[in-house]
């Protein structure tokens, strides 16, 4: 049985919004202290914890060691249950050929 992912917390949404705006305006990610100042967190540890949660969920990734190198990860389009991709079809191999009868 597959579980639905939990929705983002209010704080995670705020941190993600700060990163999106910062990247759009400046072209690079904000520092942990800059995120904390925008979101209202004075502890850099709590900001790093929120960033770690977002990274674990696959919403952001770091290109370097520091959090200021974070980039947004494109989310794959959500699949609707019950729908299959339009493949080659039944009785057709992976190249679209039908086997000889």
PDB file of N, CA and C in Angstrom:
ATOM      1  N   UNK A   1       0.840  -1.169   0.000  1.00  0.00           N
ATOM      2  CA  UNK A   1       0.000   0.000   0.000  1.00  0.00           C
ATOM      3  C   UNK A   1       0.893   1.242   0.000  1.00  0.00           C
ATOM      4  N   UNK A   2       0.579   2.171  -0.859  1.00  0.00           N
ATOM      5  CA  UNK A   2       1.381   3.375  -1.007  1.00  0.00           C
ATOM      6  C   UNK A   2       0.703   4.528  -0.269  1.00  0.00           C
ATOM      7  N   UNK A   3       1.494   5.238   0.538  1.00  0.00           N
ATOM      8  CA  UNK A   3       0.937   6.355   1.288  1.00  0.00           C
ATOM      9  C   UNK A   3       1.139   7.656   0.527  1.00  0.00           C
ATOM     10  N   UNK A   4       0.174   8.531   0.668  1.00  0.00           N
ATOM     11  CA  UNK A   4       0.282   9.860   0.087  1.00  0.00           C
ATOM     12  C   UNK A   4       1.304  10.651   0.897  1.00  0.00           C
ATOM     13  N   UNK A   5       2.146  11.453   0.245  1.00  0.00           N
ATOM     14  CA  UNK A   5       3.109  12.246   1.003  1.00  0.00           C
ATOM     15  C   UNK A   5       2.388  13.301   1.836  1.00  0.00           C
ATOM     16  N   UNK A   6       2.956  13.574   2.991  1.00  0.00           N
ATOM     17  CA  UNK A   6       2.380  14.595   3.860  1.00  0.00           C
ATOM     18  C   UNK A   6       2.503  15.960   3.199  1.00  0.00           C
ATOM     19  N   UNK A   7       1.536  16.813   3.433  1.00  0.00           N
ATOM     20  CA  UNK A   7       1.660  18.167   2.891  1.00  0.00           C
ATOM     21  C   UNK A   7       2.767  18.919   3.616  1.00  0.00           C
ATOM     22  N   UNK A   8       3.276  19.939   2.969  1.00  0.00           N
ATOM     23  CA  UNK A   8       4.320  20.753   3.594  1.00  0.00           C
ATOM     24  C   UNK A   8       3.750  21.498   4.788  1.00  0.00           C
ATOM     25  N   UNK A   9       4.590  21.681   5.805  1.00  0.00           N
ATOM     26  CA  UNK A   9       4.168  22.488   6.938  1.00  0.00           C
ATOM     27  C   UNK A   9       4.187  23.958   6.524  1.00  0.00           C
ATOM     28  N   UNK A  10       3.567  24.781   7.332  1.00  0.00           N
ATOM     29  CA  UNK A  10       3.534  26.218   7.048  1.00  0.00           C
ATOM     30  C   UNK A  10       4.948  26.786   6.991  1.00  0.00           C
ATOM     31  N   UNK A  11       5.789  26.336   7.899  1.00  0.00           N
ATOM     32  CA  UNK A  11       7.172  26.825   7.930  1.00  0.00           C
ATOM     33  C   UNK A  11       7.948  26.364   6.700  1.00  0.00           C
ATOM     34  N   UNK A  12       7.744  25.119   6.270  1.00  0.00           N
ATOM     35  CA  UNK A  12       8.421  24.615   5.073  1.00  0.00           C
ATOM     36  C   UNK A  12       7.975  25.384   3.836  1.00  0.00           C
ATOM     37  N   UNK A  13       6.685  25.690   3.754  1.00  0.00           N
ATOM     38  CA  UNK A  13       6.187  26.486   2.634  1.00  0.00           C
ATOM     39  C   UNK A  13       6.814  27.871   2.630  1.00  0.00           C
ATOM     40  N   UNK A  14       6.970  28.470   3.817  1.00  0.00           N
ATOM     41  CA  UNK A  14       7.569  29.798   3.915  1.00  0.00           C
ATOM     42  C   UNK A  14       9.034  29.770   3.485  1.00  0.00           C
ATOM     43  N   UNK A  15       9.773  28.758   3.929  1.00  0.00           N
ATOM     44  CA  UNK A  15      11.186  28.640   3.550  1.00  0.00           C
ATOM     45  C   UNK A  15      11.306  28.428   2.043  1.00  0.00           C
ATOM     46  N   UNK A  16      10.468  27.580   1.492  1.00  0.00           N
ATOM     47  CA  UNK A  16      10.497  27.320   0.055  1.00  0.00           C
ATOM     48  C   UNK A  16      10.152  28.580  -0.739  1.00  0.00           C
ATOM     49  N   UNK A  17       9.198  29.361  -0.256  1.00  0.00           N
ATOM     50  CA  UNK A  17       8.824  30.607  -0.931  1.00  0.00           C
ATOM     51  C   UNK A  17       9.977  31.608  -0.904  1.00  0.00           C
ATOM     52  N   UNK A  18      10.679  31.692   0.218  1.00  0.00           N
ATOM     53  CA  UNK A  18      11.831  32.594   0.315  1.00  0.00           C
ATOM     54  C   UNK A  18      12.899  32.187  -0.697  1.00  0.00           C
ATOM     55  N   UNK A  19      13.152  30.890  -0.801  1.00  0.00           N
ATOM     56  CA  UNK A  19      14.170  30.409  -1.742  1.00  0.00           C
ATOM     57  C   UNK A  19      13.762  30.725  -3.173  1.00  0.00           C
ATOM     58  N   UNK A  20      12.494  30.495  -3.528  1.00  0.00           N
ATOM     59  CA  UNK A  20      12.019  30.773  -4.888  1.00  0.00           C
ATOM     60  C   UNK A  20      12.198  32.242  -5.243  1.00  0.00           C
ATOM     61  N   UNK A  21      11.760  33.127  -4.347  1.00  0.00           N
ATOM     62  CA  UNK A  21      11.861  34.568  -4.606  1.00  0.00           C
ATOM     63  C   UNK A  21      13.318  34.991  -4.692  1.00  0.00           C
ATOM     64  N   UNK A  22      14.132  34.494  -3.774  1.00  0.00           N
ATOM     65  CA  UNK A  22      15.547  34.869  -3.736  1.00  0.00           C
ATOM     66  C   UNK A  22      16.255  34.436  -5.016  1.00  0.00           C
ATOM     67  N   UNK A  23      15.991  33.224  -5.458  1.00  0.00           N
ATOM     68  CA  UNK A  23      16.617  32.740  -6.694  1.00  0.00           C
ATOM     69  C   UNK A  23      16.171  33.565  -7.901  1.00  0.00           C
ATOM     70  N   UNK A  24      14.902  33.928  -7.938  1.00  0.00           N
ATOM     71  CA  UNK A  24      14.388  34.716  -9.060  1.00  0.00           C
ATOM     72  C   UNK A  24      14.984  36.122  -9.074  1.00  0.00           C
ATOM     73  N   UNK A  25      15.158  36.720  -7.907  1.00  0.00           N
ATOM     74  CA  UNK A  25      15.667  38.086  -7.828  1.00  0.00           C
ATOM     75  C   UNK A  25      17.177  38.175  -7.974  1.00  0.00           C
ATOM     76  N   UNK A  26      17.894  37.223  -7.366  1.00  0.00           N
ATOM     77  CA  UNK A  26      19.349  37.350  -7.289  1.00  0.00           C
ATOM     78  C   UNK A  26      20.133  36.309  -8.078  1.00  0.00           C
ATOM     79  N   UNK A  27      19.498  35.207  -8.434  1.00  0.00           N
ATOM     80  CA  UNK A  27      20.186  34.195  -9.229  1.00  0.00           C
ATOM     81  C   UNK A  27      20.984  33.191  -8.424  1.00  0.00           C
ATOM     82  N   UNK A  28      21.025  33.354  -7.111  1.00  0.00           N
ATOM     83  CA  UNK A  28      21.703  32.389  -6.245  1.00  0.00           C
ATOM     84  C   UNK A  28      20.878  32.232  -4.979  1.00  0.00           C
ATOM     85  N   UNK A  29      21.126  31.173  -4.254  1.00  0.00           N
ATOM     86  CA  UNK A  29      20.324  30.885  -3.069  1.00  0.00           C
ATOM     87  C   UNK A  29      20.689  31.767  -1.884  1.00  0.00           C
ATOM     88  N   UNK A  30      19.759  31.947  -0.961  1.00  0.00           N
ATOM     89  CA  UNK A  30      20.024  32.737   0.247  1.00  0.00           C
ATOM     90  C   UNK A  30      20.824  31.928   1.261  1.00  0.00           C
ATOM     91  N   UNK A  31      21.486  32.623   2.174  1.00  0.00           N
ATOM     92  CA  UNK A  31      22.190  31.945   3.257  1.00  0.00           C
ATOM     93  C   UNK A  31      21.179  31.512   4.304  1.00  0.00           C
ATOM     94  N   UNK A  32      21.618  30.688   5.223  1.00  0.00           N
ATOM     95  CA  UNK A  32      20.747  30.208   6.291  1.00  0.00           C
ATOM     96  C   UNK A  32      20.254  31.383   7.132  1.00  0.00           C
ATOM     97  N   UNK A  33      21.124  32.331   7.429  1.00  0.00           N
ATOM     98  CA  UNK A  33      20.730  33.501   8.228  1.00  0.00           C
ATOM     99  C   UNK A  33      19.728  34.376   7.477  1.00  0.00           C
ATOM    100  N   UNK A  34      19.908  34.519   6.174  1.00  0.00           N
ATOM    101  CA  UNK A  34      18.960  35.311   5.378  1.00  0.00           C
ATOM    102  C   UNK A  34      17.581  34.659   5.345  1.00  0.00           C
ATOM    103  N   UNK A  35      17.549  33.342   5.230  1.00  0.00           N
ATOM    104  CA  UNK A  35      16.268  32.631   5.269  1.00  0.00           C
ATOM    105  C   UNK A  35      15.619  32.816   6.632  1.00  0.00           C
ATOM    106  N   UNK A  36      16.404  32.654   7.689  1.00  0.00           N
ATOM    107  CA  UNK A  36      15.881  32.806   9.039  1.00  0.00           C
ATOM    108  C   UNK A  36      15.304  34.186   9.283  1.00  0.00           C
ATOM    109  N   UNK A  37      15.969  35.221   8.774  1.00  0.00           N
ATOM    110  CA  UNK A  37      15.478  36.587   8.948  1.00  0.00           C
ATOM    111  C   UNK A  37      14.155  36.791   8.222  1.00  0.00           C
ATOM    112  N   UNK A  38      14.003  36.203   7.053  1.00  0.00           N
ATOM    113  CA  UNK A  38      12.758  36.358   6.282  1.00  0.00           C
ATOM    114  C   UNK A  38      11.598  35.559   6.860  1.00  0.00           C
ATOM    115  N   UNK A  39      11.909  34.396   7.437  1.00  0.00           N
ATOM    116  CA  UNK A  39      10.862  33.505   7.927  1.00  0.00           C
ATOM    117  C   UNK A  39      10.549  33.755   9.406  1.00  0.00           C
ATOM    118  N   UNK A  40      11.461  34.399  10.111  1.00  0.00           N
ATOM    119  CA  UNK A  40      11.248  34.667  11.527  1.00  0.00           C
ATOM    120  C   UNK A  40      11.858  33.635  12.445  1.00  0.00           C
ATOM    121  N   UNK A  41      12.878  32.942  11.977  1.00  0.00           N
ATOM    122  CA  UNK A  41      13.596  31.973  12.804  1.00  0.00           C
ATOM    123  C   UNK A  41      14.954  32.556  13.175  1.00  0.00           C
ATOM    124  N   UNK A  42      15.255  32.619  14.466  1.00  0.00           N
ATOM    125  CA  UNK A  42      16.549  33.173  14.874  1.00  0.00           C
ATOM    126  C   UNK A  42      17.622  32.095  14.966  1.00  0.00           C
ATOM    127  N   UNK A  43      17.210  30.849  15.067  1.00  0.00           N
ATOM    128  CA  UNK A  43      18.156  29.748  15.189  1.00  0.00           C
ATOM    129  C   UNK A  43      18.542  29.219  13.808  1.00  0.00           C
ATOM    130  N   UNK A  44      19.839  29.265  13.510  1.00  0.00           N
ATOM    131  CA  UNK A  44      20.296  28.731  12.223  1.00  0.00           C
ATOM    132  C   UNK A  44      20.114  27.214  12.173  1.00  0.00           C
ATOM    133  N   UNK A  45      20.121  26.586  13.324  1.00  0.00           N
ATOM    134  CA  UNK A  45      19.906  25.139  13.373  1.00  0.00           C
ATOM    135  C   UNK A  45      18.491  24.783  12.930  1.00  0.00           C
ATOM    136  N   UNK A  46      17.515  25.564  13.348  1.00  0.00           N
ATOM    137  CA  UNK A  46      16.138  25.261  12.945  1.00  0.00           C
ATOM    138  C   UNK A  46      15.929  25.528  11.458  1.00  0.00           C
ATOM    139  N   UNK A  47      16.611  26.538  10.919  1.00  0.00           N
ATOM    140  CA  UNK A  47      16.531  26.795   9.476  1.00  0.00           C
ATOM    141  C   UNK A  47      17.170  25.631   8.721  1.00  0.00           C
ATOM    142  N   UNK A  48      18.332  25.183   9.193  1.00  0.00           N
ATOM    143  CA  UNK A  48      19.012  24.057   8.547  1.00  0.00           C
ATOM    144  C   UNK A  48      18.162  22.798   8.621  1.00  0.00           C
ATOM    145  N   UNK A  49      17.427  22.628   9.709  1.00  0.00           N
ATOM    146  CA  UNK A  49      16.536  21.463   9.834  1.00  0.00           C
ATOM    147  C   UNK A  49      15.438  21.523   8.766  1.00  0.00           C
ATOM    148  N   UNK A  50      14.825  22.689   8.600  1.00  0.00           N
ATOM    149  CA  UNK A  50      13.774  22.841   7.589  1.00  0.00           C
ATOM    150  C   UNK A  50      14.338  22.612   6.186  1.00  0.00           C
ATOM    151  N   UNK A  51      15.538  23.115   5.927  1.00  0.00           N
ATOM    152  CA  UNK A  51      16.175  22.899   4.621  1.00  0.00           C
ATOM    153  C   UNK A  51      16.467  21.421   4.397  1.00  0.00           C
ATOM    154  N   UNK A  52      16.882  20.739   5.446  1.00  0.00           N
ATOM    155  CA  UNK A  52      17.133  19.300   5.345  1.00  0.00           C
ATOM    156  C   UNK A  52      15.872  18.523   5.031  1.00  0.00           C
ATOM    157  N   UNK A  53      14.755  18.913   5.620  1.00  0.00           N
ATOM    158  CA  UNK A  53      13.473  18.266   5.337  1.00  0.00           C
ATOM    159  C   UNK A  53      13.067  18.494   3.886  1.00  0.00           C
ATOM    160  N   UNK A  54      13.257  19.722   3.390  1.00  0.00           N
ATOM    161  CA  UNK A  54      12.914  20.017   1.995  1.00  0.00           C
ATOM    162  C   UNK A  54      13.821  19.247   1.033  1.00  0.00           C
ATOM    163  N   UNK A  55      15.084  19.111   1.412  1.00  0.00           N
ATOM    164  CA  UNK A  55      16.019  18.347   0.576  1.00  0.00           C
ATOM    165  C   UNK A  55      15.643  16.866   0.584  1.00  0.00           C
ATOM    166  N   UNK A  56      15.258  16.344   1.740  1.00  0.00           N
ATOM    167  CA  UNK A  56      14.865  14.933   1.830  1.00  0.00           C
ATOM    168  C   UNK A  56      13.605  14.650   1.010  1.00  0.00           C
ATOM    169  N   UNK A  57      12.732  15.623   0.895  1.00  0.00           N
ATOM    170  CA  UNK A  57      11.511  15.461   0.089  1.00  0.00           C
ATOM    171  C   UNK A  57      11.773  15.637  -1.399  1.00  0.00           C
ATOM    172  N   UNK A  58      12.987  16.068  -1.749  1.00  0.00           N
ATOM    173  CA  UNK A  58      13.334  16.231  -3.153  1.00  0.00           C
ATOM    174  C   UNK A  58      12.868  17.538  -3.753  1.00  0.00           C
ATOM    175  N   UNK A  59      12.575  18.543  -2.922  1.00  0.00           N
ATOM    176  CA  UNK A  59      12.110  19.828  -3.438  1.00  0.00           C
ATOM    177  C   UNK A  59      13.253  20.789  -3.719  1.00  0.00           C
ATOM    178  N   UNK A  60      14.358  20.630  -2.983  1.00  0.00           N
ATOM    179  CA  UNK A  60      15.555  21.429  -3.231  1.00  0.00           C
ATOM    180  C   UNK A  60      16.760  20.502  -3.240  1.00  0.00           C
ATOM    181  N   UNK A  61      17.834  20.966  -3.833  1.00  0.00           N
ATOM    182  CA  UNK A  61      19.083  20.219  -3.853  1.00  0.00           C
ATOM    183  C   UNK A  61      20.225  21.215  -3.760  1.00  0.00           C
ATOM    184  N   UNK A  62      21.343  20.772  -3.231  1.00  0.00           N
ATOM    185  CA  UNK A  62      22.523  21.625  -3.148  1.00  0.00           C
ATOM    186  C   UNK A  62      23.501  21.267  -4.247  1.00  0.00           C
ATOM    187  N   UNK A  63      24.086  22.276  -4.857  1.00  0.00           N
ATOM    188  CA  UNK A  63      25.113  22.028  -5.862  1.00  0.00           C
ATOM    189  C   UNK A  63      26.499  22.086  -5.239  1.00  0.00           C
ATOM    190  N   UNK A  64      26.569  22.525  -4.020  1.00  0.00           N
ATOM    191  CA  UNK A  64      27.829  22.594  -3.272  1.00  0.00           C
ATOM    192  C   UNK A  64      27.595  22.165  -1.846  1.00  0.00           C
ATOM    193  N   UNK A  65      28.509  22.541  -0.976  1.00  0.00           N
ATOM    194  CA  UNK A  65      28.409  22.134   0.425  1.00  0.00           C
ATOM    195  C   UNK A  65      27.449  23.011   1.217  1.00  0.00           C
ATOM    196  N   UNK A  66      27.403  24.293   0.902  1.00  0.00           N
ATOM    197  CA  UNK A  66      26.604  25.248   1.667  1.00  0.00           C
ATOM    198  C   UNK A  66      25.157  25.269   1.191  1.00  0.00           C
ATOM    199  N   UNK A  67      24.269  25.709   2.088  1.00  0.00           N
ATOM    200  CA  UNK A  67      22.857  25.827   1.729  1.00  0.00           C
ATOM    201  C   UNK A  67      22.623  26.950   0.739  1.00  0.00           C
ATOM    202  N   UNK A  68      23.536  27.904   0.662  1.00  0.00           N
ATOM    203  CA  UNK A  68      23.348  29.011  -0.292  1.00  0.00           C
ATOM    204  C   UNK A  68      23.499  28.543  -1.735  1.00  0.00           C
ATOM    205  N   UNK A  69      23.927  27.308  -1.926  1.00  0.00           N
ATOM    206  CA  UNK A  69      24.035  26.751  -3.282  1.00  0.00           C
ATOM    207  C   UNK A  69      22.800  25.947  -3.658  1.00  0.00           C
ATOM    208  N   UNK A  70      21.743  26.076  -2.871  1.00  0.00           N
ATOM    209  CA  UNK A  70      20.548  25.263  -3.146  1.00  0.00           C
ATOM    210  C   UNK A  70      19.829  25.743  -4.403  1.00  0.00           C
ATOM    211  N   UNK A  71      19.238  24.791  -5.071  1.00  0.00           N
ATOM    212  CA  UNK A  71      18.444  25.071  -6.267  1.00  0.00           C
ATOM    213  C   UNK A  71      17.128  24.327  -6.124  1.00  0.00           C
ATOM    214  N   UNK A  72      16.123  24.800  -6.827  1.00  0.00           N
ATOM    215  CA  UNK A  72      14.827  24.131  -6.816  1.00  0.00           C
ATOM    216  C   UNK A  72      14.882  22.918  -7.725  1.00  0.00           C
ATOM    217  N   UNK A  73      14.244  21.858  -7.315  1.00  0.00           N
ATOM    218  CA  UNK A  73      14.169  20.642  -8.112  1.00  0.00           C
ATOM    219  C   UNK A  73      12.796  20.615  -8.756  1.00  0.00           C
ATOM    220  N   UNK A  74      12.765  20.414 -10.049  1.00  0.00           N
ATOM    221  CA  UNK A  74      11.487  20.347 -10.761  1.00  0.00           C
ATOM    222  C   UNK A  74      10.726  19.117 -10.314  1.00  0.00           C
ATOM    223  N   UNK A  75       9.465  19.311  -9.981  1.00  0.00           N
ATOM    224  CA  UNK A  75       8.630  18.191  -9.577  1.00  0.00           C
ATOM    225  C   UNK A  75       8.103  17.487 -10.816  1.00  0.00           C
ATOM    226  N   UNK A  76       8.161  16.152 -10.824  1.00  0.00           N
ATOM    227  CA  UNK A  76       7.568  15.438 -11.952  1.00  0.00           C
ATOM    228  C   UNK A  76       6.057  15.626 -11.923  1.00  0.00           C
ATOM    229  N   UNK A  77       5.410  15.610 -13.070  1.00  0.00           N
ATOM    230  CA  UNK A  77       3.956  15.775 -13.070  1.00  0.00           C
ATOM    231  C   UNK A  77       3.294  14.638 -12.310  1.00  0.00           C
ATOM    232  N   UNK A  78       2.282  14.971 -11.562  1.00  0.00           N
ATOM    233  CA  UNK A  78       1.586  13.969 -10.759  1.00  0.00           C
ATOM    234  C   UNK A  78       0.840  13.005 -11.673  1.00  0.00           C
ATOM    235  N   UNK A  79       0.945  11.731 -11.359  1.00  0.00           N
ATOM    236  CA  UNK A  79       0.225  10.716 -12.134  1.00  0.00           C
ATOM    237  C   UNK A  79      -1.133  10.517 -11.513  1.00  0.00           C
ATOM    238  N   UNK A  80      -2.108  10.443 -12.333  1.00  0.00           N
ATOM    239  CA  UNK A  80      -3.449  10.191 -11.845  1.00  0.00           C
ATOM    240  C   UNK A  80      -3.646   8.693 -11.735  1.00  0.00           C
ATOM    241  N   UNK A  81      -4.208   8.210 -10.641  1.00  0.00           N
ATOM    242  CA  UNK A  81      -4.380   6.766 -10.482  1.00  0.00           C
ATOM    243  C   UNK A  81      -5.340   6.207 -11.521  1.00  0.00           C
ATOM    244  N   UNK A  82      -5.025   5.018 -11.995  1.00  0.00           N
ATOM    245  CA  UNK A  82      -5.911   4.342 -12.933  1.00  0.00           C
ATOM    246  C   UNK A  82      -5.603   4.623 -14.388  1.00  0.00           C
ATOM    247  N   UNK A  83      -4.735   5.573 -14.651  1.00  0.00           N
ATOM    248  CA  UNK A  83      -4.392   5.873 -16.037  1.00  0.00           C
ATOM    249  C   UNK A  83      -3.036   5.280 -16.366  1.00  0.00           C
ATOM    250  N   UNK A  84      -2.937   4.691 -17.519  1.00  0.00           N
ATOM    251  CA  UNK A  84      -1.673   4.126 -17.959  1.00  0.00           C
ATOM    252  C   UNK A  84      -1.087   5.015 -19.042  1.00  0.00           C
ATOM    253  N   UNK A  85       0.221   4.938 -19.169  1.00  0.00           N
ATOM    254  CA  UNK A  85       0.838   5.713 -20.236  1.00  0.00           C
ATOM    255  C   UNK A  85       0.477   5.094 -21.573  1.00  0.00           C
ATOM    256  N   UNK A  86       0.488   5.899 -22.598  1.00  0.00           N
ATOM    257  CA  UNK A  86       0.170   5.389 -23.927  1.00  0.00           C
ATOM    258  C   UNK A  86       1.424   4.794 -24.542  1.00  0.00           C
ATOM    259  N   UNK A  87       1.572   3.537 -24.319  1.00  0.00           N
ATOM    260  CA  UNK A  87       2.723   2.834 -24.852  1.00  0.00           C
ATOM    261  C   UNK A  87       2.439   2.351 -26.268  1.00  0.00           C
ATOM    262  N   UNK A  88       3.193   1.367 -26.683  1.00  0.00           N
ATOM    263  CA  UNK A  88       3.048   0.853 -28.034  1.00  0.00           C
ATOM    264  C   UNK A  88       1.731   0.094 -28.213  1.00  0.00           C
ATOM    265  N   UNK A  89       1.176  -0.419 -27.136  1.00  0.00           N
ATOM    266  CA  UNK A  89      -0.091  -1.142 -27.247  1.00  0.00           C
ATOM    267  C   UNK A  89       0.088  -2.609 -26.928  1.00  0.00           C
ATOM    268  N   UNK A  90      -1.010  -3.322 -26.908  1.00  0.00           N
ATOM    269  CA  UNK A  90      -0.995  -4.743 -26.582  1.00  0.00           C
ATOM    270  C   UNK A  90      -0.520  -5.520 -27.796  1.00  0.00           C
ATOM    271  N   UNK A  91       0.347  -6.493 -27.577  1.00  0.00           N
ATOM    272  CA  UNK A  91       0.817  -7.338 -28.658  1.00  0.00           C
ATOM    273  C   UNK A  91       1.888  -6.690 -29.518  1.00  0.00           C
ATOM    274  N   UNK A  92       2.487  -5.633 -29.030  1.00  0.00           N
ATOM    275  CA  UNK A  92       3.527  -4.931 -29.779  1.00  0.00           C
ATOM    276  C   UNK A  92       4.771  -4.900 -28.922  1.00  0.00           C
ATOM    277  N   UNK A  93       5.952  -5.139 -29.515  1.00  0.00           N
ATOM    278  CA  UNK A  93       7.183  -5.097 -28.735  1.00  0.00           C
ATOM    279  C   UNK A  93       7.613  -3.649 -28.485  1.00  0.00           C
ATOM    280  N   UNK A  94       8.739  -3.491 -27.834  1.00  0.00           N
ATOM    281  CA  UNK A  94       9.173  -2.156 -27.436  1.00  0.00           C
ATOM    282  C   UNK A  94       9.512  -1.243 -28.615  1.00  0.00           C
ATOM    283  N   UNK A  95       9.639  -1.805 -29.797  1.00  0.00           N
ATOM    284  CA  UNK A  95       9.934  -0.986 -30.976  1.00  0.00           C
ATOM    285  C   UNK A  95       8.689  -0.711 -31.838  1.00  0.00           C
ATOM    286  N   UNK A  96       7.516  -1.147 -31.339  1.00  0.00           N
ATOM    287  CA  UNK A  96       6.289  -0.910 -32.074  1.00  0.00           C
ATOM    288  C   UNK A  96       5.992  -1.958 -33.141  1.00  0.00           C
ATOM    289  N   UNK A  97       6.759  -3.064 -33.136  1.00  0.00           N
ATOM    290  CA  UNK A  97       6.534  -4.125 -34.144  1.00  0.00           C
ATOM    291  C   UNK A  97       5.648  -5.206 -33.555  1.00  0.00           C
ATOM    292  N   UNK A  98       4.778  -5.740 -34.404  1.00  0.00           N
ATOM    293  CA  UNK A  98       3.943  -6.864 -33.991  1.00  0.00           C
ATOM    294  C   UNK A  98       4.708  -8.146 -34.300  1.00  0.00           C
ATOM    295  N   UNK A  99       4.605  -9.108 -33.393  1.00  0.00           N
ATOM    296  CA  UNK A  99       5.304 -10.380 -33.657  1.00  0.00           C
ATOM    297  C   UNK A  99       4.655 -11.106 -34.833  1.00  0.00           C
ATOM    298  N   UNK A 100       5.453 -11.904 -35.557  1.00  0.00           N
ATOM    299  CA  UNK A 100       4.881 -12.651 -36.699  1.00  0.00           C
ATOM    300  C   UNK A 100       3.789 -13.603 -36.220  1.00  0.00           C
ATOM    301  N   UNK A 101       2.741 -13.710 -37.015  1.00  0.00           N
ATOM    302  CA  UNK A 101       1.598 -14.559 -36.653  1.00  0.00           C
ATOM    303  C   UNK A 101       1.780 -15.979 -37.083  1.00  0.00           C
TER     304      UNK A 101
END
